[in-house]
Amino acid sequence: MELGGEIDAGIFRWINQIMVHPALDDLMVFLTTFRLSSHIFLLAALFIIIRKQRGAFVVLLFTLLAVGLADYTASGILKPLFQRIRPCFALQGCRLLIDQSHSYSFASSHAANSAAVASMIWIFFRRGEPVERLFSAVMVLYAFLIGYSRIYVGVHYPGDVLAGMMIGCASAGLVYLALSWLFKNVIQPRFLSGRRPLKP
């Protein structure tokens, strides 16, 4: 195993086998299992709708596109390319707390998707009222905990999670910049030029 892989495996063992507690086991399984914690994303969407009202469609659309890009990059490109075996199948003594298929490990799509959501929320809410800034901070923390949980439950190396988070952040930034440019330079000018001037 190369030095980078040994460091990655060493940090994984420290989180997965040493920094453990029965109460944390339940929390990490909850965080890492989408069917158990999906209502948190639904509550986040409800908050966006309440705070942004008509503008909520734009925020939610941008977020869904960012998640789609992040998920495809992590699962559709990097996993087949690197074909890294998950630690629960590669390392002895791993604590595997959830059922896991034999899909590849690098990069973590859970970390990528949650980071994409948190990054897009941060982009739209970081300069808002205190409750909106608090909301963006909570979602960033939530995304970090999801990534951490993937290591804790035994299905990803820290490097997988770090790469996934970077993919999610980059995907959100790319989608925001691309669609903002498209709206300002293509859609908005055409909409304004198509409007008839008011008669005096």
Protein backbone atom coordinates (compact mmCIF):
# COMPACT_ATOMS: atom_id res chain seq x y z
CA MET A 1 0.00 0.00 0.00
CA GLU A 2 1.36 3.42 -0.92
CA LEU A 3 2.05 6.04 1.75
CA GLY A 4 -1.10 8.02 0.94
CA GLY A 5 -3.18 4.87 1.18
CA GLU A 6 -1.57 3.92 4.48
CA ILE A 7 -2.35 7.34 5.96
CA ASP A 8 -5.92 7.13 4.66
CA ALA A 9 -6.35 3.67 6.18
CA GLY A 10 -4.77 4.79 9.45
CA ILE A 11 -7.17 7.71 9.85
CA PHE A 12 -10.04 5.42 8.89
CA ARG A 13 -9.13 2.92 11.63
CA TRP A 14 -8.83 5.72 14.19
CA ILE A 15 -12.35 6.98 13.41
CA ASN A 16 -13.96 3.60 12.79
CA GLN A 17 -12.40 1.59 15.62
CA ILE A 18 -11.15 3.99 18.31
CA MET A 19 -13.34 7.12 18.27
CA VAL A 20 -16.49 5.09 18.83
CA HIS A 21 -19.36 4.99 21.33
CA PRO A 22 -22.70 3.10 21.38
CA ALA A 23 -24.64 6.38 21.35
CA LEU A 24 -22.60 7.58 18.38
CA ASP A 25 -23.31 4.31 16.58
CA ASP A 26 -27.03 5.07 16.47
CA LEU A 27 -26.50 8.70 15.48
CA MET A 28 -24.10 7.86 12.66
CA VAL A 29 -26.37 5.15 11.27
CA PHE A 30 -29.21 7.69 11.31
CA LEU A 31 -27.12 10.32 9.52
CA THR A 32 -25.70 7.97 6.91
CA THR A 33 -29.02 6.26 6.00
CA PHE A 34 -31.03 8.46 3.65
CA ARG A 35 -34.38 6.80 4.33
CA LEU A 36 -33.97 7.61 8.04
CA SER A 37 -32.79 11.22 7.74
CA SER A 38 -34.35 12.35 4.45
CA HIS A 39 -36.91 14.46 6.30
CA ILE A 40 -34.10 16.86 7.22
CA PHE A 41 -33.70 17.73 3.54
CA LEU A 42 -37.48 18.11 3.26
CA LEU A 43 -37.44 20.54 6.18
CA ALA A 44 -34.60 22.43 4.49
CA ALA A 45 -36.65 22.67 1.29
CA LEU A 46 -39.62 23.95 3.31
CA PHE A 47 -37.41 26.61 4.90
CA ILE A 48 -36.21 27.68 1.45
CA ILE A 49 -39.79 27.97 0.20
CA ILE A 50 -40.86 30.02 3.21
CA ARG A 51 -37.89 32.39 3.08
CA LYS A 52 -37.53 32.81 -0.68
CA GLN A 53 -41.20 32.39 -1.71
CA ARG A 54 -41.26 32.93 -5.51
CA GLY A 55 -37.48 32.72 -5.66
CA ALA A 56 -37.51 29.29 -4.03
CA PHE A 57 -37.95 27.61 -7.42
CA VAL A 58 -34.59 28.99 -8.56
CA VAL A 59 -32.80 27.88 -5.38
CA LEU A 60 -34.29 24.39 -5.52
CA LEU A 61 -33.59 24.03 -9.25
CA PHE A 62 -29.96 25.10 -8.82
CA THR A 63 -29.61 22.70 -5.88
CA LEU A 64 -31.04 19.72 -7.77
CA LEU A 65 -28.78 20.37 -10.75
CA ALA A 66 -25.75 20.65 -8.46
CA VAL A 67 -26.64 17.35 -6.77
CA GLY A 68 -27.09 15.69 -10.16
CA LEU A 69 -23.69 16.88 -11.33
CA ALA A 70 -21.99 15.89 -8.08
CA ASP A 71 -23.58 12.44 -8.02
CA TYR A 72 -22.68 11.75 -11.65
CA THR A 73 -19.09 12.88 -11.13
CA ALA A 74 -18.62 10.73 -8.02
CA SER A 75 -20.59 7.63 -8.99
CA GLY A 76 -20.64 7.75 -12.77
CA ILE A 77 -17.06 8.83 -13.45
CA LEU A 78 -14.69 8.43 -10.51
CA LYS A 79 -15.93 5.15 -9.00
CA PRO A 80 -15.62 3.17 -12.27
CA LEU A 81 -12.34 4.93 -13.05
CA PHE A 82 -10.53 4.25 -9.75
CA GLN A 83 -12.38 1.06 -8.69
CA ARG A 84 -11.27 1.43 -5.08
CA ILE A 85 -12.50 -1.34 -2.78
CA ARG A 86 -14.45 -0.14 0.23
CA PRO A 87 -12.63 -0.38 3.58
CA CYS A 88 -15.25 -2.73 5.00
CA PHE A 89 -14.18 -5.29 2.38
CA ALA A 90 -10.48 -4.45 2.26
CA LEU A 91 -9.43 -4.01 5.90
CA GLN A 92 -9.52 -6.51 8.74
CA GLY A 93 -11.30 -5.52 11.94
CA CYS A 94 -13.53 -2.92 10.27
CA ARG A 95 -16.75 -2.08 12.14
CA LEU A 96 -19.46 -2.25 9.49
CA LEU A 97 -22.67 -0.82 10.94
CA ILE A 98 -24.91 -0.88 7.86
CA ASP A 99 -25.64 -3.22 4.97
CA GLN A 100 -23.38 -2.33 2.08
CA SER A 101 -23.22 -3.47 -1.53
CA HIS A 102 -19.90 -4.16 -3.27
CA SER A 103 -19.90 -0.87 -5.14
CA TYR A 104 -16.66 1.10 -5.33
CA SER A 105 -15.47 3.53 -2.70
CA PHE A 106 -13.85 6.58 -4.37
CA ALA A 107 -15.40 9.09 -4.28
CA SER A 108 -18.22 9.22 -1.73
CA SER A 109 -21.44 10.17 -3.48
CA HIS A 110 -23.14 10.76 -0.10
CA ALA A 111 -20.49 13.35 0.77
CA ALA A 112 -20.66 14.86 -2.72
CA ASN A 113 -24.44 15.19 -2.73
CA SER A 114 -24.76 16.61 0.77
CA ALA A 115 -21.90 19.05 0.15
CA ALA A 116 -23.59 20.20 -3.06
CA VAL A 117 -26.80 20.92 -1.14
CA ALA A 118 -24.98 22.71 1.68
CA SER A 119 -22.84 24.74 -0.72
CA MET A 120 -25.81 25.94 -2.75
CA ILE A 121 -27.69 26.90 0.42
CA TRP A 122 -24.59 28.76 1.63
CA ILE A 123 -24.40 30.65 -1.67
CA PHE A 124 -28.00 31.85 -1.42
CA PHE A 125 -28.34 32.37 2.34
CA ARG A 126 -24.92 33.32 3.74
CA ARG A 127 -25.62 37.07 3.50
CA GLY A 128 -29.24 36.97 4.61
CA GLU A 129 -30.88 37.65 7.94
CA PRO A 130 -29.47 35.95 11.08
CA VAL A 131 -31.90 33.04 10.82
CA GLU A 132 -30.81 32.45 7.22
CA ARG A 133 -27.13 32.57 8.11
CA LEU A 134 -27.81 30.12 10.93
CA PHE A 135 -29.67 27.87 8.48
CA SER A 136 -26.72 27.84 6.07
CA ALA A 137 -24.30 27.07 8.92
CA VAL A 138 -26.48 24.20 10.15
CA MET A 139 -26.64 22.69 6.66
CA VAL A 140 -22.87 22.93 6.27
CA LEU A 141 -22.46 21.15 9.62
CA TYR A 142 -25.02 18.54 8.57
CA ALA A 143 -23.13 17.85 5.35
CA PHE A 144 -19.88 17.46 7.31
CA LEU A 145 -21.54 15.00 9.71
CA ILE A 146 -22.90 12.95 6.81
CA GLY A 147 -19.40 12.69 5.40
CA TYR A 148 -17.96 11.78 8.79
CA SER A 149 -20.65 9.15 9.28
CA ARG A 150 -19.56 7.36 6.09
CA ILE A 151 -16.17 6.77 7.69
CA TYR A 152 -17.58 5.92 11.11
CA VAL A 153 -19.95 3.22 9.81
CA GLY A 154 -17.15 1.62 7.80
CA VAL A 155 -18.03 2.22 4.14
CA HIS A 156 -15.60 4.99 3.06
CA TYR A 157 -12.04 6.10 3.62
CA PRO A 158 -11.44 9.73 4.69
CA GLY A 159 -9.97 10.41 1.24
CA ASP A 160 -13.22 9.27 -0.37
CA VAL A 161 -15.20 11.67 1.79
CA LEU A 162 -12.82 14.59 1.28
CA ALA A 163 -12.94 14.11 -2.49
CA GLY A 164 -16.74 13.87 -2.37
CA MET A 165 -17.00 17.12 -0.44
CA MET A 166 -14.74 18.87 -2.92
CA ILE A 167 -16.83 17.55 -5.80
CA GLY A 168 -20.03 18.77 -4.14
CA CYS A 169 -18.65 22.27 -3.49
CA ALA A 170 -17.26 22.52 -7.00
CA SER A 171 -20.51 21.30 -8.54
CA ALA A 172 -22.55 23.88 -6.66
CA GLY A 173 -20.18 26.68 -7.66
CA LEU A 174 -20.12 25.59 -11.30
CA VAL A 175 -23.90 25.29 -11.56
CA TYR A 176 -24.44 28.65 -9.88
CA LEU A 177 -21.94 30.48 -12.08
CA ALA A 178 -23.12 28.82 -15.31
CA LEU A 179 -26.84 29.36 -14.74
CA SER A 180 -26.36 32.87 -13.40
CA TRP A 181 -24.38 33.79 -16.53
CA LEU A 182 -27.03 32.16 -18.74
CA PHE A 183 -29.83 34.08 -17.05
CA LYS A 184 -28.08 37.46 -17.09
CA ASN A 185 -26.65 37.24 -20.61
CA VAL A 186 -29.17 35.14 -22.55
CA ILE A 187 -32.54 34.72 -20.88
CA GLN A 188 -33.00 38.17 -19.33
CA PRO A 189 -31.96 40.18 -22.44
CA ARG A 190 -34.28 38.14 -24.66
CA PHE A 191 -37.13 38.56 -22.20
CA LEU A 192 -36.63 42.31 -22.00
CA SER A 193 -36.22 42.73 -25.76
CA GLY A 194 -39.42 40.77 -26.34
CA ARG A 195 -41.52 43.10 -24.21
CA ARG A 196 -43.43 45.74 -26.11
CA PRO A 197 -42.84 49.32 -24.99
CA LEU A 198 -45.77 51.00 -23.28
CA LYS A 199 -47.68 53.49 -25.42
CA PRO A 200 -47.60 57.10 -24.14
